[in-house]
Amino acid sequence: MTMNKTVLIVDDDDMLRTTLARGLRTNEFNVITAKSAEMAGEILQRVSVNAIVLDRMMGGMDGLTFLKDLRNSGNTTPTIILTAMGGPENAVDGLSCGADDYLAKPFQLRELVLRINNMTRHAVNVAPKMPQGLVLSENEFFVKSPDGEMRILALSGEEKKLLTSLTCPVGNIVAAAPMVAKRLRNKLNSVLSNLDIVTIRSHGYKLVCSNDENKIKAE
């Protein structure tokens, strides 16, 4: 199954962030948004993304500092800096901090889409980061116990498609038939105590994970 690429947008401009997210979704990207570098860091601890669109000047930690820290931690996610600070010298600063590309505002959405696709074309595909206790392998979901034992999570085709969308990445809001969502929720609740599927009114469903360590329920 071919997965849409997932992009993390990091920008403290609410209007631009929303507009970018809408535009990238119409171009078949999965999109996660963060209004600060600090929030982006928390997101990247939980999920893997294919690309990052990063504002340079933000309140709190600025984009270049965030990117330097990200690279120092070993994270090599392709990143494009999107900024009003154009010019060769500013571009060199961004690229020196680990950016893969640098795009000055104003810009056309189509150009951003092409640059993201170019950045990620040769990147190693990263498997979606699953909640602890849930494993995706060979297009099948498994439940993994603390001692490492795995057992298959028996799902219908519709349930598997929904869980794949909900976990690629975790945080996606996905439209689905209520009965399919209910069946999947019941199956997850029966084996993993800290995973749940919640309804996002007028939008669909979302997988949520508690902060506690996942507990495998006994059969």
N, C-alpha and C. Protein backbone atom coordinates (compact mmCIF):
# COMPACT_ATOMS: atom_id res chain seq x y z
N MET A 1 0.85 -1.18 0.00
CA MET A 1 0.00 0.00 0.00
C MET A 1 0.89 1.24 0.00
N THR A 2 0.67 2.15 -0.93
CA THR A 2 1.44 3.39 -1.01
C THR A 2 0.88 4.42 -0.05
N MET A 3 1.73 4.95 0.80
CA MET A 3 1.29 5.94 1.78
C MET A 3 1.60 7.34 1.28
N ASN A 4 0.69 8.27 1.54
CA ASN A 4 0.97 9.66 1.25
C ASN A 4 2.10 10.14 2.16
N LYS A 5 2.90 11.05 1.65
CA LYS A 5 3.97 11.61 2.46
C LYS A 5 3.40 12.49 3.56
N THR A 6 4.06 12.48 4.70
CA THR A 6 3.61 13.27 5.84
C THR A 6 4.55 14.45 6.05
N VAL A 7 3.97 15.64 6.12
CA VAL A 7 4.75 16.87 6.28
C VAL A 7 4.38 17.54 7.60
N LEU A 8 5.40 17.97 8.33
CA LEU A 8 5.20 18.75 9.55
C LEU A 8 5.46 20.22 9.22
N ILE A 9 4.44 21.06 9.41
CA ILE A 9 4.58 22.50 9.20
C ILE A 9 4.82 23.16 10.56
N VAL A 10 5.91 23.92 10.67
CA VAL A 10 6.24 24.61 11.92
C VAL A 10 6.26 26.11 11.63
N ASP A 11 5.25 26.82 12.11
CA ASP A 11 5.14 28.26 11.84
C ASP A 11 4.25 28.88 12.89
N ASP A 12 4.64 30.05 13.41
CA ASP A 12 3.82 30.69 14.45
C ASP A 12 2.77 31.63 13.87
N ASP A 13 2.69 31.75 12.55
CA ASP A 13 1.66 32.55 11.90
C ASP A 13 0.44 31.66 11.66
N ASP A 14 -0.61 31.87 12.45
CA ASP A 14 -1.78 30.99 12.39
C ASP A 14 -2.39 30.93 10.99
N MET A 15 -2.52 32.08 10.35
CA MET A 15 -3.17 32.11 9.04
C MET A 15 -2.32 31.38 7.99
N LEU A 16 -1.02 31.65 7.99
CA LEU A 16 -0.15 31.00 7.02
C LEU A 16 -0.10 29.50 7.26
N ARG A 17 -0.01 29.12 8.53
CA ARG A 17 0.05 27.69 8.87
C ARG A 17 -1.20 26.96 8.38
N THR A 18 -2.35 27.56 8.60
CA THR A 18 -3.61 26.95 8.17
C THR A 18 -3.71 26.89 6.66
N THR A 19 -3.30 27.97 5.99
CA THR A 19 -3.35 28.01 4.52
C THR A 19 -2.40 26.98 3.91
N LEU A 20 -1.20 26.88 4.46
CA LEU A 20 -0.24 25.90 3.97
C LEU A 20 -0.76 24.48 4.16
N ALA A 21 -1.31 24.22 5.33
CA ALA A 21 -1.83 22.88 5.61
C ALA A 21 -2.93 22.52 4.63
N ARG A 22 -3.83 23.45 4.38
CA ARG A 22 -4.92 23.19 3.44
C ARG A 22 -4.37 22.93 2.04
N GLY A 23 -3.41 23.74 1.63
CA GLY A 23 -2.84 23.59 0.30
C GLY A 23 -2.11 22.27 0.12
N LEU A 24 -1.34 21.87 1.13
CA LEU A 24 -0.60 20.61 1.02
C LEU A 24 -1.54 19.41 1.05
N ARG A 25 -2.61 19.50 1.84
CA ARG A 25 -3.58 18.40 1.87
C ARG A 25 -4.26 18.23 0.51
N THR A 26 -4.53 19.35 -0.19
CA THR A 26 -5.14 19.23 -1.52
C THR A 26 -4.16 18.60 -2.51
N ASN A 27 -2.88 18.61 -2.17
CA ASN A 27 -1.87 17.96 -3.00
C ASN A 27 -1.51 16.57 -2.46
N GLU A 28 -2.41 16.01 -1.65
CA GLU A 28 -2.34 14.62 -1.19
C GLU A 28 -1.21 14.34 -0.21
N PHE A 29 -0.82 15.35 0.57
CA PHE A 29 0.08 15.13 1.69
C PHE A 29 -0.73 14.94 2.96
N ASN A 30 -0.23 14.10 3.87
CA ASN A 30 -0.70 14.14 5.25
C ASN A 30 0.01 15.30 5.92
N VAL A 31 -0.70 16.05 6.75
CA VAL A 31 -0.11 17.25 7.33
C VAL A 31 -0.30 17.28 8.85
N ILE A 32 0.78 17.60 9.56
CA ILE A 32 0.74 17.89 10.99
C ILE A 32 1.24 19.32 11.15
N THR A 33 0.65 20.06 12.06
CA THR A 33 1.08 21.44 12.25
C THR A 33 1.54 21.68 13.68
N ALA A 34 2.49 22.62 13.81
CA ALA A 34 2.98 23.05 15.12
C ALA A 34 3.17 24.55 15.08
N LYS A 35 2.76 25.25 16.13
CA LYS A 35 2.86 26.71 16.14
C LYS A 35 4.14 27.20 16.80
N SER A 36 5.01 26.27 17.19
CA SER A 36 6.29 26.66 17.78
C SER A 36 7.30 25.54 17.59
N ALA A 37 8.57 25.89 17.70
CA ALA A 37 9.62 24.88 17.61
C ALA A 37 9.51 23.89 18.77
N GLU A 38 9.13 24.41 19.92
CA GLU A 38 9.00 23.53 21.09
C GLU A 38 7.92 22.48 20.86
N MET A 39 6.79 22.89 20.29
CA MET A 39 5.71 21.94 20.00
C MET A 39 6.15 20.94 18.94
N ALA A 40 6.90 21.41 17.94
CA ALA A 40 7.40 20.52 16.89
C ALA A 40 8.31 19.45 17.47
N GLY A 41 9.15 19.84 18.43
CA GLY A 41 10.04 18.88 19.06
C GLY A 41 9.27 17.78 19.77
N GLU A 42 8.18 18.15 20.44
CA GLU A 42 7.35 17.16 21.13
C GLU A 42 6.69 16.22 20.13
N ILE A 43 6.23 16.76 19.02
CA ILE A 43 5.59 15.93 17.98
C ILE A 43 6.58 14.92 17.42
N LEU A 44 7.81 15.37 17.14
CA LEU A 44 8.80 14.48 16.53
C LEU A 44 9.29 13.40 17.48
N GLN A 45 9.02 13.54 18.76
CA GLN A 45 9.33 12.46 19.70
C GLN A 45 8.32 11.33 19.59
N ARG A 46 7.14 11.63 19.02
CA ARG A 46 6.07 10.63 18.94
C ARG A 46 5.87 10.06 17.55
N VAL A 47 6.13 10.85 16.52
CA VAL A 47 5.84 10.39 15.16
C VAL A 47 7.00 10.69 14.24
N SER A 48 7.07 9.93 13.15
CA SER A 48 8.06 10.17 12.10
C SER A 48 7.37 10.84 10.93
N VAL A 49 8.03 11.80 10.32
CA VAL A 49 7.46 12.49 9.16
C VAL A 49 8.45 12.40 8.00
N ASN A 50 7.94 12.65 6.80
CA ASN A 50 8.79 12.60 5.62
C ASN A 50 9.51 13.91 5.33
N ALA A 51 8.93 15.02 5.79
CA ALA A 51 9.54 16.33 5.52
C ALA A 51 9.05 17.35 6.55
N ILE A 52 9.85 18.39 6.74
CA ILE A 52 9.49 19.49 7.64
C ILE A 52 9.54 20.80 6.86
N VAL A 53 8.48 21.59 6.98
CA VAL A 53 8.46 22.96 6.44
C VAL A 53 8.60 23.87 7.66
N LEU A 54 9.71 24.61 7.74
CA LEU A 54 10.09 25.29 8.97
C LEU A 54 10.23 26.79 8.78
N ASP A 55 9.50 27.55 9.58
CA ASP A 55 9.65 29.01 9.58
C ASP A 55 10.95 29.36 10.31
N ARG A 56 11.64 30.38 9.82
CA ARG A 56 12.92 30.74 10.43
C ARG A 56 12.75 31.59 11.68
N MET A 57 11.92 32.63 11.59
CA MET A 57 11.75 33.56 12.70
C MET A 57 10.45 33.26 13.43
N MET A 58 10.55 32.78 14.66
CA MET A 58 9.37 32.46 15.47
C MET A 58 9.58 32.92 16.89
N GLY A 59 8.49 33.14 17.62
CA GLY A 59 8.60 33.42 19.04
C GLY A 59 9.13 32.18 19.74
N GLY A 60 9.85 32.37 20.83
CA GLY A 60 10.47 31.23 21.50
C GLY A 60 11.71 30.82 20.73
N MET A 61 11.93 29.52 20.60
CA MET A 61 13.09 29.04 19.86
C MET A 61 12.92 29.36 18.37
N ASP A 62 13.97 29.92 17.75
CA ASP A 62 13.88 30.23 16.33
C ASP A 62 14.15 28.98 15.49
N GLY A 63 13.81 29.06 14.21
CA GLY A 63 13.90 27.89 13.34
C GLY A 63 15.30 27.34 13.18
N LEU A 64 16.30 28.22 13.07
CA LEU A 64 17.67 27.74 12.87
C LEU A 64 18.19 27.00 14.09
N THR A 65 17.89 27.52 15.27
CA THR A 65 18.31 26.83 16.51
C THR A 65 17.64 25.48 16.61
N PHE A 66 16.34 25.44 16.32
CA PHE A 66 15.60 24.18 16.34
C PHE A 66 16.23 23.18 15.37
N LEU A 67 16.57 23.64 14.16
CA LEU A 67 17.12 22.74 13.16
C LEU A 67 18.49 22.23 13.57
N LYS A 68 19.32 23.10 14.14
CA LYS A 68 20.64 22.67 14.62
C LYS A 68 20.50 21.58 15.69
N ASP A 69 19.58 21.80 16.63
CA ASP A 69 19.35 20.81 17.69
C ASP A 69 18.85 19.49 17.09
N LEU A 70 17.98 19.60 16.10
CA LEU A 70 17.42 18.42 15.46
C LEU A 70 18.52 17.60 14.80
N ARG A 71 19.39 18.28 14.07
CA ARG A 71 20.49 17.57 13.40
C ARG A 71 21.48 17.00 14.40
N ASN A 72 21.74 17.73 15.48
CA ASN A 72 22.67 17.23 16.50
C ASN A 72 22.13 15.99 17.19
N SER A 73 20.80 15.85 17.20
CA SER A 73 20.19 14.67 17.83
C SER A 73 20.19 13.47 16.89
N GLY A 74 20.63 13.68 15.64
CA GLY A 74 20.67 12.58 14.68
C GLY A 74 19.47 12.50 13.76
N ASN A 75 18.53 13.44 13.90
CA ASN A 75 17.35 13.45 13.04
C ASN A 75 17.71 14.07 11.69
N THR A 76 17.53 13.31 10.60
CA THR A 76 17.91 13.76 9.27
C THR A 76 16.70 14.03 8.37
N THR A 77 15.52 14.22 8.96
CA THR A 77 14.31 14.46 8.18
C THR A 77 14.53 15.63 7.21
N PRO A 78 14.26 15.44 5.91
CA PRO A 78 14.41 16.54 4.95
C PRO A 78 13.63 17.78 5.39
N THR A 79 14.30 18.93 5.39
CA THR A 79 13.71 20.16 5.93
C THR A 79 13.91 21.32 4.97
N ILE A 80 12.83 22.04 4.71
CA ILE A 80 12.90 23.26 3.92
C ILE A 80 12.55 24.44 4.82
N ILE A 81 13.40 25.46 4.82
CA ILE A 81 13.12 26.66 5.60
C ILE A 81 12.31 27.61 4.72
N LEU A 82 11.21 28.06 5.28
CA LEU A 82 10.30 28.97 4.59
C LEU A 82 10.35 30.29 5.36
N THR A 83 10.81 31.37 4.71
CA THR A 83 11.08 32.57 5.48
C THR A 83 10.99 33.84 4.63
N ALA A 84 10.75 34.95 5.30
CA ALA A 84 10.78 36.26 4.63
C ALA A 84 12.20 36.76 4.47
N MET A 85 13.16 36.10 5.10
CA MET A 85 14.57 36.52 5.03
C MET A 85 15.23 35.89 3.81
N GLY A 86 15.06 36.55 2.66
CA GLY A 86 15.63 36.04 1.42
C GLY A 86 17.08 36.46 1.25
N GLY A 87 17.63 36.16 0.09
CA GLY A 87 19.00 36.55 -0.22
C GLY A 87 19.99 35.43 0.01
N PRO A 88 21.11 35.44 -0.75
CA PRO A 88 22.11 34.37 -0.67
C PRO A 88 22.69 34.15 0.72
N GLU A 89 22.98 35.25 1.43
CA GLU A 89 23.61 35.09 2.75
C GLU A 89 22.69 34.38 3.73
N ASN A 90 21.41 34.75 3.71
CA ASN A 90 20.45 34.09 4.60
C ASN A 90 20.25 32.63 4.21
N ALA A 91 20.25 32.35 2.92
CA ALA A 91 20.12 30.98 2.46
C ALA A 91 21.30 30.14 2.93
N VAL A 92 22.49 30.71 2.84
CA VAL A 92 23.70 30.00 3.30
C VAL A 92 23.59 29.70 4.79
N ASP A 93 23.09 30.64 5.58
CA ASP A 93 22.92 30.42 7.01
C ASP A 93 22.00 29.22 7.26
N GLY A 94 20.89 29.18 6.53
CA GLY A 94 19.94 28.09 6.71
C GLY A 94 20.52 26.75 6.30
N LEU A 95 21.17 26.73 5.15
CA LEU A 95 21.76 25.47 4.67
C LEU A 95 22.89 25.01 5.58
N SER A 96 23.62 25.96 6.15
CA SER A 96 24.72 25.61 7.07
C SER A 96 24.20 24.98 8.35
N CYS A 97 22.96 25.29 8.71
CA CYS A 97 22.38 24.73 9.93
C CYS A 97 21.73 23.37 9.69
N GLY A 98 21.76 22.90 8.44
CA GLY A 98 21.24 21.57 8.17
C GLY A 98 20.01 21.53 7.29
N ALA A 99 19.56 22.69 6.77
CA ALA A 99 18.39 22.68 5.90
C ALA A 99 18.74 22.02 4.57
N ASP A 100 17.76 21.35 3.98
CA ASP A 100 17.94 20.75 2.67
C ASP A 100 17.55 21.72 1.56
N ASP A 101 16.74 22.70 1.90
CA ASP A 101 16.29 23.69 0.92
C ASP A 101 15.88 24.95 1.66
N TYR A 102 15.76 26.06 0.92
CA TYR A 102 15.49 27.37 1.52
C TYR A 102 14.62 28.13 0.54
N LEU A 103 13.42 28.52 0.97
CA LEU A 103 12.47 29.19 0.09
C LEU A 103 12.02 30.49 0.72
N ALA A 104 12.23 31.59 0.01
CA ALA A 104 11.86 32.91 0.53
C ALA A 104 10.40 33.23 0.18
N LYS A 105 9.75 33.94 1.09
CA LYS A 105 8.40 34.44 0.85
C LYS A 105 8.50 35.74 0.06
N PRO A 106 7.50 36.06 -0.80
CA PRO A 106 6.34 35.24 -1.13
C PRO A 106 6.72 34.10 -2.07
N PHE A 107 5.89 33.08 -2.14
CA PHE A 107 6.19 31.91 -2.95
C PHE A 107 4.88 31.34 -3.48
N GLN A 108 4.97 30.46 -4.45
CA GLN A 108 3.80 29.78 -4.98
C GLN A 108 3.72 28.40 -4.35
N LEU A 109 2.50 27.98 -4.01
CA LEU A 109 2.30 26.67 -3.40
C LEU A 109 2.89 25.57 -4.28
N ARG A 110 2.70 25.69 -5.58
CA ARG A 110 3.19 24.65 -6.49
C ARG A 110 4.71 24.50 -6.37
N GLU A 111 5.41 25.62 -6.19
CA GLU A 111 6.86 25.54 -6.03
C GLU A 111 7.22 24.82 -4.74
N LEU A 112 6.50 25.10 -3.67
CA LEU A 112 6.77 24.42 -2.41
C LEU A 112 6.53 22.92 -2.55
N VAL A 113 5.43 22.54 -3.20
CA VAL A 113 5.12 21.12 -3.41
C VAL A 113 6.24 20.43 -4.18
N LEU A 114 6.71 21.07 -5.25
CA LEU A 114 7.79 20.49 -6.05
C LEU A 114 9.07 20.34 -5.23
N ARG A 115 9.36 21.34 -4.42
CA ARG A 115 10.59 21.27 -3.61
C ARG A 115 10.49 20.17 -2.55
N ILE A 116 9.32 20.00 -1.95
CA ILE A 116 9.14 18.92 -0.97
C ILE A 116 9.32 17.57 -1.65
N ASN A 117 8.70 17.40 -2.82
CA ASN A 117 8.84 16.14 -3.54
C ASN A 117 10.29 15.88 -3.93
N ASN A 118 11.00 16.92 -4.34
CA ASN A 118 12.41 16.75 -4.69
C ASN A 118 13.25 16.36 -3.47
N MET A 119 12.96 16.98 -2.33
CA MET A 119 13.71 16.68 -1.11
C MET A 119 13.53 15.23 -0.68
N THR A 120 12.32 14.74 -0.84
CA THR A 120 11.99 13.42 -0.28
C THR A 120 12.11 12.30 -1.29
N ARG A 121 12.42 12.63 -2.55
CA ARG A 121 12.44 11.60 -3.59
C ARG A 121 13.44 10.50 -3.29
N HIS A 122 14.61 10.89 -2.81
CA HIS A 122 15.67 9.90 -2.58
C HIS A 122 15.87 9.60 -1.10
N ALA A 123 14.97 10.13 -0.28
CA ALA A 123 15.10 9.86 1.16
C ALA A 123 14.70 8.43 1.46
N VAL A 124 15.32 7.86 2.46
CA VAL A 124 14.97 6.51 2.89
C VAL A 124 13.57 6.55 3.49
N ASN A 125 12.73 5.63 3.05
CA ASN A 125 11.38 5.56 3.60
C ASN A 125 11.44 5.18 5.07
N VAL A 126 10.76 5.96 5.89
CA VAL A 126 10.75 5.71 7.33
C VAL A 126 9.41 5.11 7.72
N ALA A 127 9.47 3.98 8.41
CA ALA A 127 8.22 3.35 8.83
C ALA A 127 7.52 4.25 9.84
N PRO A 128 6.19 4.31 9.78
CA PRO A 128 5.48 5.15 10.73
C PRO A 128 5.76 4.69 12.16
N LYS A 129 5.89 5.64 13.06
CA LYS A 129 6.17 5.31 14.46
C LYS A 129 4.88 4.91 15.14
N MET A 130 4.82 3.67 15.59
CA MET A 130 3.62 3.13 16.22
C MET A 130 3.61 3.41 17.72
N PRO A 131 2.44 3.51 18.31
CA PRO A 131 2.37 3.57 19.77
C PRO A 131 2.98 2.30 20.35
N GLN A 132 3.56 2.43 21.54
CA GLN A 132 4.17 1.26 22.17
C GLN A 132 3.13 0.16 22.33
N GLY A 133 3.52 -1.05 21.94
CA GLY A 133 2.60 -2.18 22.04
C GLY A 133 1.93 -2.53 20.73
N LEU A 134 2.00 -1.62 19.76
CA LEU A 134 1.39 -1.86 18.45
C LEU A 134 2.49 -1.88 17.40
N VAL A 135 2.50 -2.91 16.55
CA VAL A 135 3.56 -3.10 15.55
C VAL A 135 2.91 -3.29 14.18
N LEU A 136 3.45 -2.61 13.17
CA LEU A 136 3.02 -2.80 11.79
C LEU A 136 4.15 -3.46 11.03
N SER A 137 3.89 -4.65 10.48
CA SER A 137 4.91 -5.38 9.74
C SER A 137 4.25 -6.17 8.63
N GLU A 138 4.81 -6.04 7.42
CA GLU A 138 4.28 -6.77 6.26
C GLU A 138 2.78 -6.55 6.11
N ASN A 139 2.37 -5.29 6.29
CA ASN A 139 0.97 -4.90 6.11
C ASN A 139 0.02 -5.60 7.08
N GLU A 140 0.53 -6.04 8.22
CA GLU A 140 -0.30 -6.62 9.27
C GLU A 140 0.03 -5.92 10.58
N PHE A 141 -1.00 -5.76 11.42
CA PHE A 141 -0.81 -5.17 12.74
C PHE A 141 -0.66 -6.28 13.78
N PHE A 142 0.28 -6.08 14.70
CA PHE A 142 0.52 -7.03 15.78
C PHE A 142 0.48 -6.29 17.11
N VAL A 143 0.13 -7.02 18.17
CA VAL A 143 0.22 -6.50 19.53
C VAL A 143 1.44 -7.13 20.17
N LYS A 144 2.32 -6.29 20.73
CA LYS A 144 3.57 -6.76 21.31
C LYS A 144 3.52 -6.63 22.82
N SER A 145 3.75 -7.73 23.51
CA SER A 145 3.73 -7.72 24.97
C SER A 145 5.07 -7.21 25.50
N PRO A 146 5.14 -6.81 26.78
CA PRO A 146 6.40 -6.30 27.35
C PRO A 146 7.56 -7.28 27.23
N ASP A 147 7.29 -8.59 27.18
CA ASP A 147 8.38 -9.57 27.06
C ASP A 147 8.77 -9.83 25.61
N GLY A 148 8.15 -9.09 24.67
CA GLY A 148 8.53 -9.22 23.27
C GLY A 148 7.67 -10.15 22.44
N GLU A 149 6.76 -10.86 23.08
CA GLU A 149 5.90 -11.78 22.32
C GLU A 149 4.89 -10.98 21.50
N MET A 150 4.69 -11.38 20.25
CA MET A 150 3.75 -10.67 19.38
C MET A 150 2.63 -11.61 18.95
N ARG A 151 1.44 -11.05 18.89
CA ARG A 151 0.31 -11.79 18.33
C ARG A 151 -0.43 -10.88 17.37
N ILE A 152 -0.94 -11.47 16.31
CA ILE A 152 -1.59 -10.69 15.27
C ILE A 152 -2.88 -10.07 15.80
N LEU A 153 -3.17 -8.87 15.36
CA LEU A 153 -4.41 -8.19 15.69
C LEU A 153 -5.37 -8.45 14.53
N ALA A 154 -6.34 -9.29 14.76
CA ALA A 154 -7.25 -9.71 13.70
C ALA A 154 -8.18 -8.55 13.31
N LEU A 155 -8.03 -8.08 12.08
CA LEU A 155 -8.81 -6.95 11.60
C LEU A 155 -9.41 -7.27 10.24
N SER A 156 -10.58 -6.72 9.99
CA SER A 156 -11.15 -6.80 8.65
C SER A 156 -10.38 -5.85 7.74
N GLY A 157 -10.62 -5.95 6.43
CA GLY A 157 -9.95 -5.06 5.50
C GLY A 157 -10.24 -3.60 5.78
N GLU A 158 -11.49 -3.27 6.10
CA GLU A 158 -11.87 -1.89 6.38
C GLU A 158 -11.23 -1.40 7.68
N GLU A 159 -11.19 -2.28 8.69
CA GLU A 159 -10.59 -1.90 9.97
C GLU A 159 -9.09 -1.67 9.82
N LYS A 160 -8.42 -2.53 9.04
CA LYS A 160 -6.98 -2.37 8.83
C LYS A 160 -6.69 -1.08 8.07
N LYS A 161 -7.51 -0.77 7.08
CA LYS A 161 -7.32 0.48 6.32
C LYS A 161 -7.48 1.69 7.23
N LEU A 162 -8.47 1.64 8.12
CA LEU A 162 -8.69 2.75 9.03
C LEU A 162 -7.54 2.88 10.02
N LEU A 163 -7.08 1.77 10.61
CA LEU A 163 -5.99 1.85 11.58
C LEU A 163 -4.70 2.32 10.91
N THR A 164 -4.48 1.91 9.67
CA THR A 164 -3.30 2.38 8.93
C THR A 164 -3.34 3.89 8.78
N SER A 165 -4.49 4.43 8.41
CA SER A 165 -4.63 5.87 8.24
C SER A 165 -4.49 6.61 9.57
N LEU A 166 -4.99 6.01 10.65
CA LEU A 166 -4.94 6.65 11.97
C LEU A 166 -3.52 6.68 12.55
N THR A 167 -2.66 5.76 12.08
CA THR A 167 -1.31 5.66 12.64
C THR A 167 -0.23 6.16 11.70
N CYS A 168 -0.58 6.67 10.55
CA CYS A 168 0.42 7.12 9.57
C CYS A 168 0.24 8.59 9.23
N PRO A 169 0.55 9.50 10.15
CA PRO A 169 1.05 9.25 11.50
C PRO A 169 -0.06 9.28 12.52
N VAL A 170 0.28 8.89 13.76
CA VAL A 170 -0.65 9.06 14.88
C VAL A 170 -0.99 10.54 14.99
N GLY A 171 -2.26 10.84 15.11
CA GLY A 171 -2.70 12.23 15.14
C GLY A 171 -3.53 12.60 13.93
N ASN A 172 -3.47 11.76 12.88
CA ASN A 172 -4.33 12.00 11.71
C ASN A 172 -5.79 11.97 12.11
N ILE A 173 -6.59 12.81 11.50
CA ILE A 173 -8.04 12.76 11.64
C ILE A 173 -8.58 12.14 10.36
N VAL A 174 -9.32 11.04 10.50
CA VAL A 174 -9.70 10.24 9.34
C VAL A 174 -11.21 10.05 9.30
N ALA A 175 -11.80 10.27 8.15
CA ALA A 175 -13.23 9.99 7.97
C ALA A 175 -13.42 8.49 7.82
N ALA A 176 -14.47 7.94 8.44
CA ALA A 176 -14.73 6.50 8.36
C ALA A 176 -16.19 6.24 8.72
N ALA A 177 -16.67 5.07 8.30
CA ALA A 177 -18.02 4.65 8.67
C ALA A 177 -18.07 4.42 10.17
N PRO A 178 -19.08 4.93 10.86
CA PRO A 178 -19.16 4.80 12.32
C PRO A 178 -19.04 3.36 12.82
N MET A 179 -19.66 2.41 12.11
CA MET A 179 -19.60 1.02 12.57
C MET A 179 -18.18 0.46 12.46
N VAL A 180 -17.45 0.86 11.42
CA VAL A 180 -16.06 0.40 11.28
C VAL A 180 -15.22 0.97 12.41
N ALA A 181 -15.39 2.26 12.69
CA ALA A 181 -14.64 2.90 13.78
C ALA A 181 -14.98 2.25 15.13
N LYS A 182 -16.25 1.92 15.33
CA LYS A 182 -16.67 1.31 16.60
C LYS A 182 -16.05 -0.07 16.76
N ARG A 183 -16.06 -0.87 15.69
CA ARG A 183 -15.48 -2.22 15.77
C ARG A 183 -13.97 -2.14 16.05
N LEU A 184 -13.30 -1.22 15.38
CA LEU A 184 -11.86 -1.08 15.58
C LEU A 184 -11.56 -0.60 17.00
N ARG A 185 -12.34 0.35 17.49
CA ARG A 185 -12.17 0.84 18.87
C ARG A 185 -12.29 -0.31 19.87
N ASN A 186 -13.31 -1.14 19.68
CA ASN A 186 -13.53 -2.26 20.60
C ASN A 186 -12.37 -3.25 20.57
N LYS A 187 -11.84 -3.50 19.37
CA LYS A 187 -10.72 -4.45 19.28
C LYS A 187 -9.45 -3.89 19.92
N LEU A 188 -9.20 -2.59 19.73
CA LEU A 188 -8.04 -1.99 20.37
C LEU A 188 -8.19 -1.94 21.88
N ASN A 189 -9.38 -1.54 22.33
CA ASN A 189 -9.63 -1.46 23.78
C ASN A 189 -9.48 -2.80 24.46
N SER A 190 -9.72 -3.88 23.71
CA SER A 190 -9.67 -5.22 24.31
C SER A 190 -8.25 -5.71 24.55
N VAL A 191 -7.26 -5.09 23.86
CA VAL A 191 -5.89 -5.58 23.99
C VAL A 191 -4.89 -4.52 24.46
N LEU A 192 -5.19 -3.24 24.24
CA LEU A 192 -4.27 -2.18 24.64
C LEU A 192 -5.04 -1.17 25.47
N SER A 193 -4.69 -1.06 26.74
CA SER A 193 -5.49 -0.26 27.67
C SER A 193 -5.34 1.24 27.48
N ASN A 194 -4.28 1.68 26.81
CA ASN A 194 -4.08 3.13 26.72
C ASN A 194 -4.25 3.67 25.31
N LEU A 195 -4.85 2.90 24.42
CA LEU A 195 -5.18 3.39 23.08
C LEU A 195 -6.69 3.51 22.97
N ASP A 196 -7.11 4.59 22.33
CA ASP A 196 -8.55 4.76 22.12
C ASP A 196 -8.76 5.53 20.82
N ILE A 197 -9.93 5.39 20.26
CA ILE A 197 -10.32 6.15 19.07
C ILE A 197 -11.42 7.10 19.50
N VAL A 198 -11.18 8.39 19.27
CA VAL A 198 -12.15 9.40 19.67
C VAL A 198 -12.77 10.04 18.43
N THR A 199 -13.98 10.53 18.61
CA THR A 199 -14.70 11.19 17.52
C THR A 199 -14.36 12.67 17.50
N ILE A 200 -13.96 13.18 16.34
CA ILE A 200 -13.75 14.61 16.13
C ILE A 200 -14.96 15.09 15.33
N ARG A 201 -15.85 15.78 16.00
CA ARG A 201 -17.13 16.13 15.40
C ARG A 201 -16.97 16.82 14.05
N SER A 202 -17.74 16.33 13.08
CA SER A 202 -17.80 16.87 11.71
C SER A 202 -16.54 16.59 10.90
N HIS A 203 -15.57 15.87 11.48
CA HIS A 203 -14.34 15.60 10.75
C HIS A 203 -14.02 14.12 10.62
N GLY A 204 -14.22 13.35 11.67
CA GLY A 204 -13.90 11.92 11.60
C GLY A 204 -13.42 11.38 12.93
N TYR A 205 -12.36 10.60 12.87
CA TYR A 205 -11.87 9.90 14.07
C TYR A 205 -10.36 10.08 14.21
N LYS A 206 -9.92 9.96 15.46
CA LYS A 206 -8.50 10.16 15.77
C LYS A 206 -8.06 9.13 16.81
N LEU A 207 -6.86 8.58 16.61
CA LEU A 207 -6.29 7.65 17.59
C LEU A 207 -5.56 8.46 18.65
N VAL A 208 -5.86 8.19 19.92
CA VAL A 208 -5.18 8.90 21.01
C VAL A 208 -4.49 7.89 21.90
N CYS A 209 -3.35 8.31 22.45
CA CYS A 209 -2.55 7.45 23.33
C CYS A 209 -2.38 8.16 24.66
N SER A 210 -2.55 7.44 25.75
CA SER A 210 -2.31 8.02 27.06
C SER A 210 -0.81 8.15 27.25
N ASN A 211 -0.39 8.96 28.22
CA ASN A 211 1.04 9.14 28.47
C ASN A 211 1.63 7.99 29.27
N ASP A 212 0.75 7.18 29.86
CA ASP A 212 1.26 6.05 30.62
C ASP A 212 1.79 4.99 29.68
N GLU A 213 2.67 4.14 30.21
CA GLU A 213 3.20 3.05 29.41
C GLU A 213 2.06 2.12 29.00
N ASN A 214 2.04 1.75 27.72
CA ASN A 214 0.97 0.90 27.23
C ASN A 214 0.97 -0.42 28.00
N LYS A 215 -0.22 -0.87 28.31
CA LYS A 215 -0.38 -2.15 29.01
C LYS A 215 -1.13 -3.11 28.12
N ILE A 216 -0.54 -4.30 27.92
CA ILE A 216 -1.19 -5.33 27.12
C ILE A 216 -2.17 -6.07 28.01
N LYS A 217 -3.41 -6.10 27.58
CA LYS A 217 -4.42 -6.80 28.38
C LYS A 217 -4.32 -8.29 28.17
N ALA A 218 -4.57 -9.03 29.21
CA ALA A 218 -4.51 -10.49 29.12
C ALA A 218 -5.65 -11.01 28.26
N GLU A 219 -5.36 -12.09 27.52
CA GLU A 219 -6.41 -12.69 26.70
C GLU A 219 -7.38 -13.44 27.58
